[in-house]
Amino acid sequence: MRNNWSREETIVAFNVYCKIPFKNSSKTHPTIVKYANIIGRSPSALNMKIGNLGRLDPELKKKGITGLVNGSKLEETIWNEFHGNWNDLAFESEEIIAELQGKNIENKFQKENFPEGKDKLQIVKTRVNQSFFRSSVLSAYNLTCCITGIKVPELLIASHIIPWKENKERTNPQNGLCLNNLHDKAFDKGLLSIDTDYKISISKYLLDYEKERAELYFSNFDNKKIFLPDKFFPKREFLDHHYSKYKNNEYN
């Protein structure tokens, strides 16, 4: 009978923790079943491990959600190693998952032709991290646009608060917002922002644009609070960075 979890199995569990809404975790959840099969554990065991990791999440504690009471020292070690070190977690966990399936991590992106050499590894890492970021952000918001409440996955984007190219924490789910295509574009262009109280601010340009229209797309959301995620709350320092540039018209 297997009892002790390995470092690799615990890293995969942390990966799964990031990819599913905590309140939806169960032994019958398709993602739990899938990854339990990959690591050779029962869905019940993996679901329990997700609960153990949840007890370490400060955002869940703030909401009165404590996860399971008991847990191992290894869970704390992995949490402390990777929470805040998202680039390494994303790539190492996905590499372990690929190896357990007898695959090369490049197989996740079969349609792409990667160059050989050092550039190839960097591009693969970027693709892996982008995929992890998207999964983590969308699951944190329960596949719901945080401005409009739209729940159509095909229309949703894991939008970076601080752009990918400007931020070393580019894979950090707390640097993400779940937005629909339209509001993602407006946010990216600085036509709307979100302050540190999680209130939406719509630019005068868009408010004037909608003055004589139905006000469906932007005006209705001005000064309203976003829908907050279950975990990985957007960091206030990231929001402040975007909001300050927005207020100073630095996106023009």
Protein backbone atom coordinates (compact mmCIF):
# COMPACT_ATOMS: atom_id res chain seq x y z
CA MET A 1 0.00 0.00 0.00
CA ARG A 2 1.38 3.42 -0.98
CA ASN A 3 1.22 6.03 1.73
CA ASN A 4 4.01 8.57 1.42
CA TRP A 5 3.71 11.05 -1.39
CA SER A 6 6.84 11.85 -3.38
CA ARG A 7 8.05 15.35 -4.18
CA GLU A 8 7.03 14.87 -7.82
CA GLU A 9 3.51 13.72 -6.93
CA THR A 10 3.05 16.68 -4.57
CA ILE A 11 4.20 19.12 -7.25
CA VAL A 12 1.64 17.65 -9.64
CA ALA A 13 -1.02 18.01 -6.92
CA PHE A 14 -0.08 21.70 -6.56
CA ASN A 15 -0.44 22.05 -10.33
CA VAL A 16 -3.95 20.57 -10.13
CA TYR A 17 -4.77 22.79 -7.14
CA CYS A 18 -4.08 25.78 -9.36
CA LYS A 19 -6.20 24.48 -12.24
CA ILE A 20 -9.56 23.82 -10.59
CA PRO A 21 -11.86 25.96 -8.43
CA PHE A 22 -11.24 24.85 -4.85
CA LYS A 23 -14.93 24.54 -4.00
CA ASN A 24 -15.45 22.26 -7.03
CA SER A 25 -12.74 19.81 -6.06
CA SER A 26 -14.08 16.30 -5.57
CA LYS A 27 -13.06 12.74 -6.27
CA THR A 28 -15.40 12.72 -9.28
CA HIS A 29 -14.12 15.97 -10.84
CA PRO A 30 -12.79 15.09 -14.33
CA THR A 31 -9.51 16.95 -13.75
CA ILE A 32 -8.96 15.15 -10.43
CA VAL A 33 -9.68 11.79 -12.08
CA LYS A 34 -7.36 12.57 -15.00
CA TYR A 35 -4.34 13.56 -12.93
CA ALA A 36 -4.93 10.85 -10.31
CA ASN A 37 -4.56 8.31 -13.12
CA ILE A 38 -1.38 10.01 -14.31
CA ILE A 39 0.34 9.85 -10.91
CA GLY A 40 -1.09 6.43 -10.04
CA ARG A 41 -3.14 7.58 -7.06
CA SER A 42 -6.85 7.24 -6.39
CA PRO A 43 -9.05 10.27 -7.13
CA SER A 44 -9.95 10.33 -3.42
CA ALA A 45 -6.28 10.55 -2.44
CA LEU A 46 -5.56 13.37 -4.89
CA ASN A 47 -8.68 15.24 -3.82
CA MET A 48 -7.56 14.97 -0.20
CA LYS A 49 -4.14 16.31 -1.17
CA ILE A 50 -5.84 19.30 -2.85
CA GLY A 51 -7.67 19.92 0.43
CA ASN A 52 -4.40 19.72 2.34
CA LEU A 53 -2.82 22.31 0.05
CA GLY A 54 -5.87 24.54 0.50
CA ARG A 55 -5.10 24.92 4.20
CA LEU A 56 -1.89 26.71 3.24
CA ASP A 57 -3.53 29.29 0.97
CA PRO A 58 -3.77 32.69 2.74
CA GLU A 59 -6.52 33.88 0.37
CA LEU A 60 -8.76 30.95 1.31
CA LYS A 61 -8.10 31.61 4.99
CA LYS A 62 -9.27 35.22 4.56
CA LYS A 63 -12.58 33.88 3.25
CA GLY A 64 -12.91 31.45 6.15
CA ILE A 65 -12.05 28.44 3.98
CA THR A 66 -9.37 26.42 5.71
CA GLY A 67 -9.11 23.27 3.59
CA LEU A 68 -8.35 20.05 5.43
CA VAL A 69 -6.82 20.33 8.88
CA ASN A 70 -4.11 17.71 8.58
CA GLY A 71 -1.27 17.76 6.13
CA SER A 72 2.35 16.84 5.63
CA LYS A 73 5.58 18.76 5.98
CA LEU A 74 6.29 18.05 2.31
CA GLU A 75 3.16 19.98 1.30
CA GLU A 76 4.41 23.00 3.23
CA THR A 77 7.85 22.64 1.64
CA ILE A 78 6.43 22.51 -1.89
CA TRP A 79 4.02 25.38 -1.17
CA ASN A 80 6.82 27.58 0.20
CA GLU A 81 9.11 26.68 -2.69
CA PHE A 82 6.68 27.42 -5.49
CA HIS A 83 4.06 29.86 -4.18
CA GLY A 84 5.53 33.08 -5.54
CA ASN A 85 7.85 31.18 -7.86
CA TRP A 86 5.26 30.48 -10.51
CA ASN A 87 7.52 30.19 -13.55
CA ASP A 88 9.36 27.24 -12.01
CA LEU A 89 6.16 25.59 -10.77
CA ALA A 90 4.50 25.81 -14.16
CA PHE A 91 7.37 24.31 -16.12
CA GLU A 92 8.58 21.72 -13.59
CA SER A 93 5.09 20.40 -12.87
CA GLU A 94 4.16 20.14 -16.55
CA GLU A 95 7.49 18.44 -17.27
CA ILE A 96 6.79 15.86 -14.55
CA ILE A 97 3.29 15.26 -15.93
CA ALA A 98 4.69 14.73 -19.44
CA GLU A 99 7.33 12.29 -18.16
CA LEU A 100 4.77 10.28 -16.19
CA GLN A 101 2.79 9.93 -19.42
CA GLY A 102 5.91 8.81 -21.30
CA LYS A 103 5.89 11.97 -23.39
CA ASN A 104 8.14 14.90 -24.15
CA ILE A 105 6.80 18.23 -22.90
CA GLU A 106 6.99 19.54 -26.47
CA ASN A 107 4.15 17.13 -27.35
CA LYS A 108 1.74 19.59 -25.67
CA PHE A 109 2.30 21.86 -28.66
CA GLN A 110 2.34 19.42 -31.55
CA LYS A 111 1.10 21.96 -34.09
CA GLU A 112 4.08 24.26 -33.57
CA ASN A 113 7.42 23.97 -35.32
CA PHE A 114 10.07 24.95 -32.81
CA PRO A 115 13.60 25.99 -33.80
CA GLU A 116 16.45 23.80 -32.56
CA GLY A 117 18.83 24.77 -29.76
CA LYS A 118 18.55 27.24 -26.90
CA ASP A 119 15.69 29.20 -28.52
CA LYS A 120 13.59 26.05 -28.70
CA LEU A 121 13.74 25.45 -24.92
CA GLN A 122 12.86 29.08 -24.20
CA ILE A 123 9.87 29.02 -26.56
CA VAL A 124 8.62 25.74 -25.06
CA LYS A 125 8.93 27.18 -21.53
CA THR A 126 7.02 30.29 -22.61
CA ARG A 127 4.20 28.21 -24.11
CA VAL A 128 4.01 26.00 -21.01
CA ASN A 129 3.91 29.01 -18.69
CA GLN A 130 1.27 30.78 -20.78
CA SER A 131 -0.92 27.67 -20.73
CA PHE A 132 -0.52 27.28 -16.95
CA PHE A 133 -1.32 30.96 -16.40
CA ARG A 134 -4.50 30.75 -18.47
CA SER A 135 -5.73 27.60 -16.70
CA SER A 136 -4.98 28.99 -13.23
CA VAL A 137 -6.62 32.38 -13.82
CA LEU A 138 -9.75 31.08 -15.54
CA SER A 139 -10.32 28.42 -12.88
CA ALA A 140 -9.81 30.96 -10.06
CA TYR A 141 -12.66 33.04 -11.54
CA ASN A 142 -14.81 29.96 -12.17
CA LEU A 143 -14.73 30.65 -15.92
CA THR A 144 -16.50 33.98 -15.39
CA CYS A 145 -15.57 37.39 -16.77
CA CYS A 146 -14.86 39.49 -13.69
CA ILE A 147 -16.51 42.58 -15.24
CA THR A 148 -19.59 41.30 -17.09
CA GLY A 149 -20.18 37.86 -15.56
CA ILE A 150 -20.04 36.23 -19.01
CA LYS A 151 -19.44 32.48 -18.63
CA VAL A 152 -18.67 31.43 -22.21
CA PRO A 153 -15.16 29.85 -22.15
CA GLU A 154 -14.55 30.57 -25.83
CA LEU A 155 -14.91 34.32 -25.13
CA LEU A 156 -12.70 34.44 -22.04
CA ILE A 157 -9.06 35.51 -21.75
CA ALA A 158 -6.58 35.31 -18.89
CA SER A 159 -5.55 38.94 -19.07
CA HIS A 160 -2.27 40.14 -17.55
CA ILE A 161 -2.58 43.14 -15.25
CA ILE A 162 1.06 44.04 -15.81
CA PRO A 163 1.86 42.98 -19.40
CA TRP A 164 3.81 39.78 -20.01
CA LYS A 165 6.84 41.60 -21.39
CA GLU A 166 7.04 44.04 -18.44
CA ASN A 167 6.70 41.67 -15.51
CA LYS A 168 8.96 38.98 -14.08
CA GLU A 169 5.91 37.49 -12.32
CA ARG A 170 4.24 36.91 -15.64
CA THR A 171 3.08 33.40 -14.67
CA ASN A 172 1.72 34.52 -11.28
CA PRO A 173 -2.07 33.95 -11.26
CA GLN A 174 -2.38 37.05 -9.05
CA ASN A 175 -1.24 39.06 -12.04
CA GLY A 176 -4.30 37.88 -13.93
CA LEU A 177 -7.92 38.82 -14.54
CA CYS A 178 -10.53 36.75 -16.32
CA LEU A 179 -11.99 39.04 -18.98
CA ASN A 180 -13.99 38.67 -22.16
CA ASN A 181 -12.32 39.60 -25.44
CA LEU A 182 -13.75 43.13 -25.63
CA HIS A 183 -12.91 44.21 -22.09
CA ASP A 184 -9.52 42.52 -22.27
CA LYS A 185 -8.68 44.71 -25.26
CA ALA A 186 -9.95 47.84 -23.51
CA PHE A 187 -7.94 46.99 -20.37
CA ASP A 188 -4.82 46.30 -22.42
CA LYS A 189 -5.17 49.68 -24.18
CA GLY A 190 -5.77 51.56 -20.93
CA LEU A 191 -9.37 52.46 -21.80
CA LEU A 192 -10.53 50.97 -18.52
CA SER A 193 -8.82 50.00 -15.30
CA ILE A 194 -9.49 48.51 -11.87
CA ASP A 195 -8.40 50.26 -8.69
CA THR A 196 -7.06 48.70 -5.51
CA ASP A 197 -10.60 48.50 -4.09
CA TYR A 198 -11.45 46.31 -7.10
CA LYS A 199 -13.69 49.01 -8.62
CA ILE A 200 -13.92 49.41 -12.38
CA SER A 201 -13.04 52.76 -13.92
CA ILE A 202 -14.10 53.48 -17.50
CA SER A 203 -12.23 56.15 -19.46
CA LYS A 204 -13.99 59.40 -20.39
CA TYR A 205 -13.37 58.49 -24.02
CA LEU A 206 -15.53 55.38 -23.74
CA LEU A 207 -18.14 57.07 -21.55
CA ASP A 208 -18.54 59.84 -24.13
CA TYR A 209 -18.67 57.27 -26.90
CA GLU A 210 -21.61 55.49 -25.25
CA LYS A 211 -23.51 58.63 -24.24
CA GLU A 212 -26.17 58.28 -26.91
CA ARG A 213 -26.11 54.51 -27.08
CA ALA A 214 -27.58 51.68 -25.02
CA GLU A 215 -24.66 51.78 -22.57
CA LEU A 216 -24.40 48.00 -22.63
CA TYR A 217 -20.69 47.55 -23.05
CA PHE A 218 -18.91 50.00 -20.76
CA SER A 219 -20.96 52.69 -18.99
CA ASN A 220 -23.03 50.19 -17.03
CA PHE A 221 -19.90 48.87 -15.33
CA ASP A 222 -18.28 52.17 -14.36
CA ASN A 223 -17.53 52.31 -10.61
CA LYS A 224 -18.88 48.78 -10.07
CA LYS A 225 -16.83 46.14 -8.27
CA ILE A 226 -15.44 43.22 -10.22
CA PHE A 227 -16.41 39.65 -9.44
CA LEU A 228 -13.58 38.46 -7.20
CA PRO A 229 -11.97 35.04 -7.66
CA ASP A 230 -12.13 32.16 -5.19
CA LYS A 231 -8.35 32.26 -4.87
CA PHE A 232 -5.39 34.12 -6.37
CA PHE A 233 -6.87 37.57 -5.67
CA PRO A 234 -5.35 40.14 -8.05
CA LYS A 235 -2.43 41.77 -6.23
CA ARG A 236 -3.13 45.35 -5.28
CA GLU A 237 0.38 46.44 -6.26
CA PHE A 238 -0.23 45.09 -9.78
CA LEU A 239 -3.62 46.82 -9.99
CA ASP A 240 -2.08 50.03 -8.71
CA HIS A 241 0.59 49.87 -11.41
CA HIS A 242 -2.04 49.61 -14.16
CA TYR A 243 -4.43 52.12 -12.57
CA SER A 244 -1.69 54.73 -12.11
CA LYS A 245 -0.69 54.51 -15.76
CA TYR A 246 -4.38 54.68 -16.72
CA LYS A 247 -5.02 57.82 -14.61
CA ASN A 248 -1.90 59.48 -16.00
CA ASN A 249 -2.94 58.72 -19.59
CA GLU A 250 0.26 56.77 -20.15
CA TYR A 251 -1.51 54.35 -22.49
CA ASN A 252 -2.17 57.05 -25.09
